[in-house]
Amino acid sequence: MPLHADSNSEGRDRWRARRLHQAMGKLPRSERGPVDFDRRSTEIVTALDSASPMTAQSASREQPPILIVDDEPYILRSLRYLLAREGYDVETASDGEEGLARVREVRPRIVFLDIMMPRMSGYEVCEQIKADPLLAETYVIMLSARGQQSDRERGFLGGADDYMTKPFSPREVAAKVRAILAAGQDASTAGAE
């Protein structure tokens, strides 16, 4: 057994917790030391609960699912909880290849897509989604902790429809989804006339 197995595991857990909490705007970058996962998870759920929920009537059950693709389980859980609480059907994937397969399988209306993932980057997944005529109308929102203009430009050049920098607000996510779906319904209603 390696001498530092416990300390490496503990350090990895702290790193993951910090990354999640930075993404959700709950932890300053300078904080060091052990993280109480139960307390932090409760804080995130409480923050998400405080976001104004959509009424059950306004969330259409007939909408295609929303797909979240991110390699951080904490971010997957947090976004899934928020969107499910808003009344949406939510699917998840934990790497780029799985995400692309899930897009082809469930044909979501919206995809939240992390940029830096194992097996296939978010940029590559986005390019393949937009190159497929059956999927090209999928609304892709790139997620990243990196907010440099060059990252945004690369995402938009690959076909991304929007870009959100972590940390993001639960209210911002909910409002963005409502706006995208409302615009889609308006366009389909106009096309039916």
C-alpha atoms as a PDB file:
ATOM      1  CA  MET A   1       0.000   0.000   0.000  1.00  0.00           C
ATOM      2  CA  PRO A   2       1.418   3.411  -0.931  1.00  0.00           C
ATOM      3  CA  LEU A   3       2.452   5.565   1.977  1.00  0.00           C
ATOM      4  CA  HIS A   4       0.419   8.551   0.806  1.00  0.00           C
ATOM      5  CA  ALA A   5      -2.764   6.835  -0.417  1.00  0.00           C
ATOM      6  CA  ASP A   6      -4.977   8.482   2.187  1.00  0.00           C
ATOM      7  CA  SER A   7      -3.535  11.941   1.703  1.00  0.00           C
ATOM      8  CA  ASN A   8      -3.829  11.692  -2.118  1.00  0.00           C
ATOM      9  CA  SER A   9      -7.449  10.589  -1.859  1.00  0.00           C
ATOM     10  CA  GLU A  10      -8.229  13.343   0.629  1.00  0.00           C
ATOM     11  CA  GLY A  11      -6.499  15.923  -1.572  1.00  0.00           C
ATOM     12  CA  ARG A  12      -8.422  14.754  -4.643  1.00  0.00           C
ATOM     13  CA  ASP A  13     -11.700  15.018  -2.693  1.00  0.00           C
ATOM     14  CA  ARG A  14     -10.837  18.558  -1.576  1.00  0.00           C
ATOM     15  CA  TRP A  15      -9.951  19.510  -5.163  1.00  0.00           C
ATOM     16  CA  ARG A  16     -13.269  18.142  -6.483  1.00  0.00           C
ATOM     17  CA  ALA A  17     -15.254  19.872  -3.756  1.00  0.00           C
ATOM     18  CA  ARG A  18     -13.487  23.188  -4.416  1.00  0.00           C
ATOM     19  CA  ARG A  19     -14.137  22.900  -8.161  1.00  0.00           C
ATOM     20  CA  LEU A  20     -17.845  22.261  -7.569  1.00  0.00           C
ATOM     21  CA  HIS A  21     -18.232  25.043  -5.087  1.00  0.00           C
ATOM     22  CA  GLN A  22     -16.306  27.472  -7.278  1.00  0.00           C
ATOM     23  CA  ALA A  23     -18.637  26.584 -10.144  1.00  0.00           C
ATOM     24  CA  MET A  24     -21.672  27.217  -7.979  1.00  0.00           C
ATOM     25  CA  GLY A  25     -20.146  30.387  -6.510  1.00  0.00           C
ATOM     26  CA  LYS A  26     -19.943  29.033  -2.976  1.00  0.00           C
ATOM     27  CA  LEU A  27     -16.223  28.805  -2.234  1.00  0.00           C
ATOM     28  CA  PRO A  28     -13.456  31.364  -2.677  1.00  0.00           C
ATOM     29  CA  ARG A  29     -10.450  30.144  -4.639  1.00  0.00           C
ATOM     30  CA  SER A  30      -8.160  30.836  -1.698  1.00  0.00           C
ATOM     31  CA  GLU A  31      -9.919  28.425   0.712  1.00  0.00           C
ATOM     32  CA  ARG A  32      -7.806  25.437   1.708  1.00  0.00           C
ATOM     33  CA  GLY A  33      -8.351  22.603   4.135  1.00  0.00           C
ATOM     34  CA  PRO A  34     -10.831  19.762   4.471  1.00  0.00           C
ATOM     35  CA  VAL A  35     -14.320  20.187   3.093  1.00  0.00           C
ATOM     36  CA  ASP A  36     -17.419  18.859   4.813  1.00  0.00           C
ATOM     37  CA  PHE A  37     -19.238  17.337   1.799  1.00  0.00           C
ATOM     38  CA  ASP A  38     -22.568  16.970   3.619  1.00  0.00           C
ATOM     39  CA  ARG A  39     -22.564  20.602   4.779  1.00  0.00           C
ATOM     40  CA  ARG A  40     -21.473  21.927   1.359  1.00  0.00           C
ATOM     41  CA  SER A  41     -24.013  19.786  -0.510  1.00  0.00           C
ATOM     42  CA  THR A  42     -26.729  21.085   1.812  1.00  0.00           C
ATOM     43  CA  GLU A  43     -25.636  24.659   1.092  1.00  0.00           C
ATOM     44  CA  ILE A  44     -25.849  24.083  -2.663  1.00  0.00           C
ATOM     45  CA  VAL A  45     -29.275  22.449  -2.455  1.00  0.00           C
ATOM     46  CA  THR A  46     -30.452  25.327  -0.241  1.00  0.00           C
ATOM     47  CA  ALA A  47     -29.178  27.843  -2.801  1.00  0.00           C
ATOM     48  CA  LEU A  48     -30.929  25.984  -5.590  1.00  0.00           C
ATOM     49  CA  ASP A  49     -34.142  25.792  -3.558  1.00  0.00           C
ATOM     50  CA  SER A  50     -34.091  29.559  -3.137  1.00  0.00           C
ATOM     51  CA  ALA A  51     -34.261  30.064  -6.910  1.00  0.00           C
ATOM     52  CA  SER A  52     -37.823  30.815  -7.920  1.00  0.00           C
ATOM     53  CA  PRO A  53     -39.344  27.582  -9.202  1.00  0.00           C
ATOM     54  CA  MET A  54     -41.353  27.317 -12.353  1.00  0.00           C
ATOM     55  CA  THR A  55     -44.927  26.231 -11.833  1.00  0.00           C
ATOM     56  CA  ALA A  56     -45.776  22.684 -12.842  1.00  0.00           C
ATOM     57  CA  GLN A  57     -48.164  24.036 -15.486  1.00  0.00           C
ATOM     58  CA  SER A  58     -45.522  26.132 -17.211  1.00  0.00           C
ATOM     59  CA  ALA A  59     -43.008  23.300 -17.605  1.00  0.00           C
ATOM     60  CA  SER A  60     -44.202  21.318 -20.572  1.00  0.00           C
ATOM     61  CA  ARG A  61     -43.936  17.563 -20.146  1.00  0.00           C
ATOM     62  CA  GLU A  62     -44.022  17.260 -23.931  1.00  0.00           C
ATOM     63  CA  GLN A  63     -40.632  18.955 -24.302  1.00  0.00           C
ATOM     64  CA  PRO A  64     -37.655  16.818 -25.262  1.00  0.00           C
ATOM     65  CA  PRO A  65     -35.249  16.271 -22.368  1.00  0.00           C
ATOM     66  CA  ILE A  66     -32.424  18.580 -21.419  1.00  0.00           C
ATOM     67  CA  LEU A  67     -28.993  16.927 -21.469  1.00  0.00           C
ATOM     68  CA  ILE A  68     -26.154  17.892 -19.128  1.00  0.00           C
ATOM     69  CA  VAL A  69     -22.679  16.667 -20.112  1.00  0.00           C
ATOM     70  CA  ASP A  70     -19.974  17.289 -17.508  1.00  0.00           C
ATOM     71  CA  ASP A  71     -17.254  15.152 -15.945  1.00  0.00           C
ATOM     72  CA  GLU A  72     -17.845  16.642 -12.482  1.00  0.00           C
ATOM     73  CA  PRO A  73     -20.513  14.609 -10.665  1.00  0.00           C
ATOM     74  CA  TYR A  74     -21.264  17.485  -8.303  1.00  0.00           C
ATOM     75  CA  ILE A  75     -22.112  19.828 -11.159  1.00  0.00           C
ATOM     76  CA  LEU A  76     -24.194  17.122 -12.844  1.00  0.00           C
ATOM     77  CA  ARG A  77     -26.168  16.585  -9.644  1.00  0.00           C
ATOM     78  CA  SER A  78     -26.655  20.291  -8.978  1.00  0.00           C
ATOM     79  CA  LEU A  79     -27.839  21.176 -12.490  1.00  0.00           C
ATOM     80  CA  ARG A  80     -29.979  18.044 -12.692  1.00  0.00           C
ATOM     81  CA  TYR A  81     -31.630  18.908  -9.364  1.00  0.00           C
ATOM     82  CA  LEU A  82     -32.283  22.502 -10.426  1.00  0.00           C
ATOM     83  CA  LEU A  83     -33.781  21.611 -13.808  1.00  0.00           C
ATOM     84  CA  ALA A  84     -35.805  18.659 -12.493  1.00  0.00           C
ATOM     85  CA  ARG A  85     -37.162  20.943  -9.777  1.00  0.00           C
ATOM     86  CA  GLU A  86     -38.244  23.314 -12.550  1.00  0.00           C
ATOM     87  CA  GLY A  87     -40.241  20.428 -14.062  1.00  0.00           C
ATOM     88  CA  TYR A  88     -37.954  19.387 -16.919  1.00  0.00           C
ATOM     89  CA  ASP A  89     -36.955  15.879 -17.949  1.00  0.00           C
ATOM     90  CA  VAL A  90     -33.178  15.798 -17.473  1.00  0.00           C
ATOM     91  CA  GLU A  91     -30.590  13.342 -18.808  1.00  0.00           C
ATOM     92  CA  THR A  92     -26.870  13.324 -17.929  1.00  0.00           C
ATOM     93  CA  ALA A  93     -23.576  12.068 -19.325  1.00  0.00           C
ATOM     94  CA  SER A  94     -20.147  12.167 -17.706  1.00  0.00           C
ATOM     95  CA  ASP A  95     -17.769  12.442 -20.678  1.00  0.00           C
ATOM     96  CA  GLY A  96     -17.745  13.637 -24.265  1.00  0.00           C
ATOM     97  CA  GLU A  97     -18.242  10.289 -25.991  1.00  0.00           C
ATOM     98  CA  GLU A  98     -21.124   9.324 -23.705  1.00  0.00           C
ATOM     99  CA  GLY A  99     -22.598  12.794 -24.200  1.00  0.00           C
ATOM    100  CA  LEU A 100     -22.554  12.508 -27.985  1.00  0.00           C
ATOM    101  CA  ALA A 101     -24.166   9.055 -27.788  1.00  0.00           C
ATOM    102  CA  ARG A 102     -26.882  10.415 -25.457  1.00  0.00           C
ATOM    103  CA  VAL A 103     -27.554  13.370 -27.805  1.00  0.00           C
ATOM    104  CA  ARG A 104     -28.090  10.925 -30.670  1.00  0.00           C
ATOM    105  CA  GLU A 105     -30.252   8.670 -28.512  1.00  0.00           C
ATOM    106  CA  VAL A 106     -32.573  11.129 -26.720  1.00  0.00           C
ATOM    107  CA  ARG A 107     -32.400  14.139 -29.088  1.00  0.00           C
ATOM    108  CA  PRO A 108     -32.558  16.825 -26.420  1.00  0.00           C
ATOM    109  CA  ARG A 109     -33.728  20.360 -27.150  1.00  0.00           C
ATOM    110  CA  ILE A 110     -30.934  21.847 -24.999  1.00  0.00           C
ATOM    111  CA  VAL A 111     -27.469  20.513 -24.134  1.00  0.00           C
ATOM    112  CA  PHE A 112     -25.334  21.971 -21.344  1.00  0.00           C
ATOM    113  CA  LEU A 113     -21.845  20.939 -22.455  1.00  0.00           C
ATOM    114  CA  ASP A 114     -18.664  21.237 -20.397  1.00  0.00           C
ATOM    115  CA  ILE A 115     -15.613  22.061 -22.481  1.00  0.00           C
ATOM    116  CA  MET A 116     -12.850  20.140 -20.735  1.00  0.00           C
ATOM    117  CA  MET A 117     -13.846  16.465 -20.450  1.00  0.00           C
ATOM    118  CA  PRO A 118     -12.206  13.085 -20.879  1.00  0.00           C
ATOM    119  CA  ARG A 119     -12.465  11.027 -24.077  1.00  0.00           C
ATOM    120  CA  MET A 120     -13.782  13.925 -26.194  1.00  0.00           C
ATOM    121  CA  SER A 121     -13.794  17.654 -25.536  1.00  0.00           C
ATOM    122  CA  GLY A 122     -16.950  19.727 -25.478  1.00  0.00           C
ATOM    123  CA  TYR A 123     -15.718  21.536 -28.585  1.00  0.00           C
ATOM    124  CA  GLU A 124     -15.523  18.229 -30.498  1.00  0.00           C
ATOM    125  CA  VAL A 125     -18.949  17.120 -29.270  1.00  0.00           C
ATOM    126  CA  CYS A 126     -20.494  20.448 -30.276  1.00  0.00           C
ATOM    127  CA  GLU A 127     -18.957  20.300 -33.763  1.00  0.00           C
ATOM    128  CA  GLN A 128     -20.340  16.783 -34.306  1.00  0.00           C
ATOM    129  CA  ILE A 129     -23.802  17.776 -33.061  1.00  0.00           C
ATOM    130  CA  LYS A 130     -23.955  20.762 -35.392  1.00  0.00           C
ATOM    131  CA  ALA A 131     -22.587  18.761 -38.365  1.00  0.00           C
ATOM    132  CA  ASP A 132     -25.405  16.192 -38.077  1.00  0.00           C
ATOM    133  CA  PRO A 133     -28.534  17.442 -39.918  1.00  0.00           C
ATOM    134  CA  LEU A 134     -30.790  15.529 -37.499  1.00  0.00           C
ATOM    135  CA  LEU A 135     -29.215  17.253 -34.483  1.00  0.00           C
ATOM    136  CA  ALA A 136     -28.231  20.657 -35.864  1.00  0.00           C
ATOM    137  CA  GLU A 137     -31.217  22.409 -34.230  1.00  0.00           C
ATOM    138  CA  THR A 138     -30.086  21.284 -30.762  1.00  0.00           C
ATOM    139  CA  TYR A 139     -29.345  24.345 -28.628  1.00  0.00           C
ATOM    140  CA  VAL A 140     -25.820  23.940 -27.204  1.00  0.00           C
ATOM    141  CA  ILE A 141     -24.692  25.911 -24.158  1.00  0.00           C
ATOM    142  CA  MET A 142     -20.982  25.556 -23.471  1.00  0.00           C
ATOM    143  CA  LEU A 143     -19.975  25.510 -19.778  1.00  0.00           C
ATOM    144  CA  SER A 144     -16.502  26.435 -18.655  1.00  0.00           C
ATOM    145  CA  ALA A 145     -14.536  27.807 -15.759  1.00  0.00           C
ATOM    146  CA  ARG A 146     -12.428  29.584 -18.383  1.00  0.00           C
ATOM    147  CA  GLY A 147     -13.970  32.833 -19.540  1.00  0.00           C
ATOM    148  CA  GLN A 148     -11.330  34.094 -21.975  1.00  0.00           C
ATOM    149  CA  GLN A 149     -12.606  35.578 -25.215  1.00  0.00           C
ATOM    150  CA  SER A 150     -10.630  33.009 -27.243  1.00  0.00           C
ATOM    151  CA  ASP A 151     -12.481  30.153 -25.485  1.00  0.00           C
ATOM    152  CA  ARG A 152     -15.834  31.768 -26.256  1.00  0.00           C
ATOM    153  CA  GLU A 153     -14.868  32.332 -29.890  1.00  0.00           C
ATOM    154  CA  ARG A 154     -13.738  28.729 -30.304  1.00  0.00           C
ATOM    155  CA  GLY A 155     -17.067  27.525 -28.882  1.00  0.00           C
ATOM    156  CA  PHE A 156     -19.096  29.776 -31.167  1.00  0.00           C
ATOM    157  CA  LEU A 157     -16.998  28.812 -34.206  1.00  0.00           C
ATOM    158  CA  GLY A 158     -17.772  25.159 -33.407  1.00  0.00           C
ATOM    159  CA  GLY A 159     -21.484  25.927 -33.489  1.00  0.00           C
ATOM    160  CA  ALA A 160     -22.300  26.642 -29.827  1.00  0.00           C
ATOM    161  CA  ASP A 161     -25.397  28.759 -29.347  1.00  0.00           C
ATOM    162  CA  ASP A 162     -24.441  30.150 -25.946  1.00  0.00           C
ATOM    163  CA  TYR A 163     -21.613  30.134 -23.428  1.00  0.00           C
ATOM    164  CA  MET A 164     -21.842  30.224 -19.632  1.00  0.00           C
ATOM    165  CA  THR A 165     -18.855  30.799 -17.392  1.00  0.00           C
ATOM    166  CA  LYS A 166     -18.693  29.021 -14.052  1.00  0.00           C
ATOM    167  CA  PRO A 167     -19.711  30.049 -11.447  1.00  0.00           C
ATOM    168  CA  PHE A 168     -23.229  30.477 -12.730  1.00  0.00           C
ATOM    169  CA  SER A 169     -26.380  31.408 -10.909  1.00  0.00           C
ATOM    170  CA  PRO A 170     -29.202  28.858 -10.562  1.00  0.00           C
ATOM    171  CA  ARG A 171     -31.640  31.646 -11.455  1.00  0.00           C
ATOM    172  CA  GLU A 172     -29.635  32.424 -14.597  1.00  0.00           C
ATOM    173  CA  VAL A 173     -29.732  28.775 -15.686  1.00  0.00           C
ATOM    174  CA  ALA A 174     -33.491  28.479 -15.074  1.00  0.00           C
ATOM    175  CA  ALA A 175     -34.225  31.762 -16.869  1.00  0.00           C
ATOM    176  CA  LYS A 176     -32.048  30.785 -19.834  1.00  0.00           C
ATOM    177  CA  VAL A 177     -33.820  27.424 -20.241  1.00  0.00           C
ATOM    178  CA  ARG A 178     -37.259  29.059 -20.030  1.00  0.00           C
ATOM    179  CA  ALA A 179     -36.266  31.648 -22.656  1.00  0.00           C
ATOM    180  CA  ILE A 180     -34.835  29.046 -25.056  1.00  0.00           C
ATOM    181  CA  LEU A 181     -37.880  26.801 -24.793  1.00  0.00           C
ATOM    182  CA  ALA A 182     -40.290  29.731 -25.123  1.00  0.00           C
ATOM    183  CA  ALA A 183     -38.475  30.934 -28.246  1.00  0.00           C
ATOM    184  CA  GLY A 184     -38.642  27.409 -29.677  1.00  0.00           C
ATOM    185  CA  GLN A 185     -42.369  27.201 -29.007  1.00  0.00           C
ATOM    186  CA  ASP A 186     -42.935  30.613 -30.586  1.00  0.00           C
ATOM    187  CA  ALA A 187     -41.007  29.516 -33.704  1.00  0.00           C
ATOM    188  CA  SER A 188     -42.920  26.227 -34.001  1.00  0.00           C
ATOM    189  CA  THR A 189     -46.257  27.999 -33.488  1.00  0.00           C
ATOM    190  CA  ALA A 190     -45.388  30.554 -36.174  1.00  0.00           C
ATOM    191  CA  GLY A 191     -44.379  27.752 -38.556  1.00  0.00           C
ATOM    192  CA  ALA A 192     -47.695  25.943 -38.008  1.00  0.00           C
ATOM    193  CA  GLU A 193     -49.737  28.985 -39.077  1.00  0.00           C
END
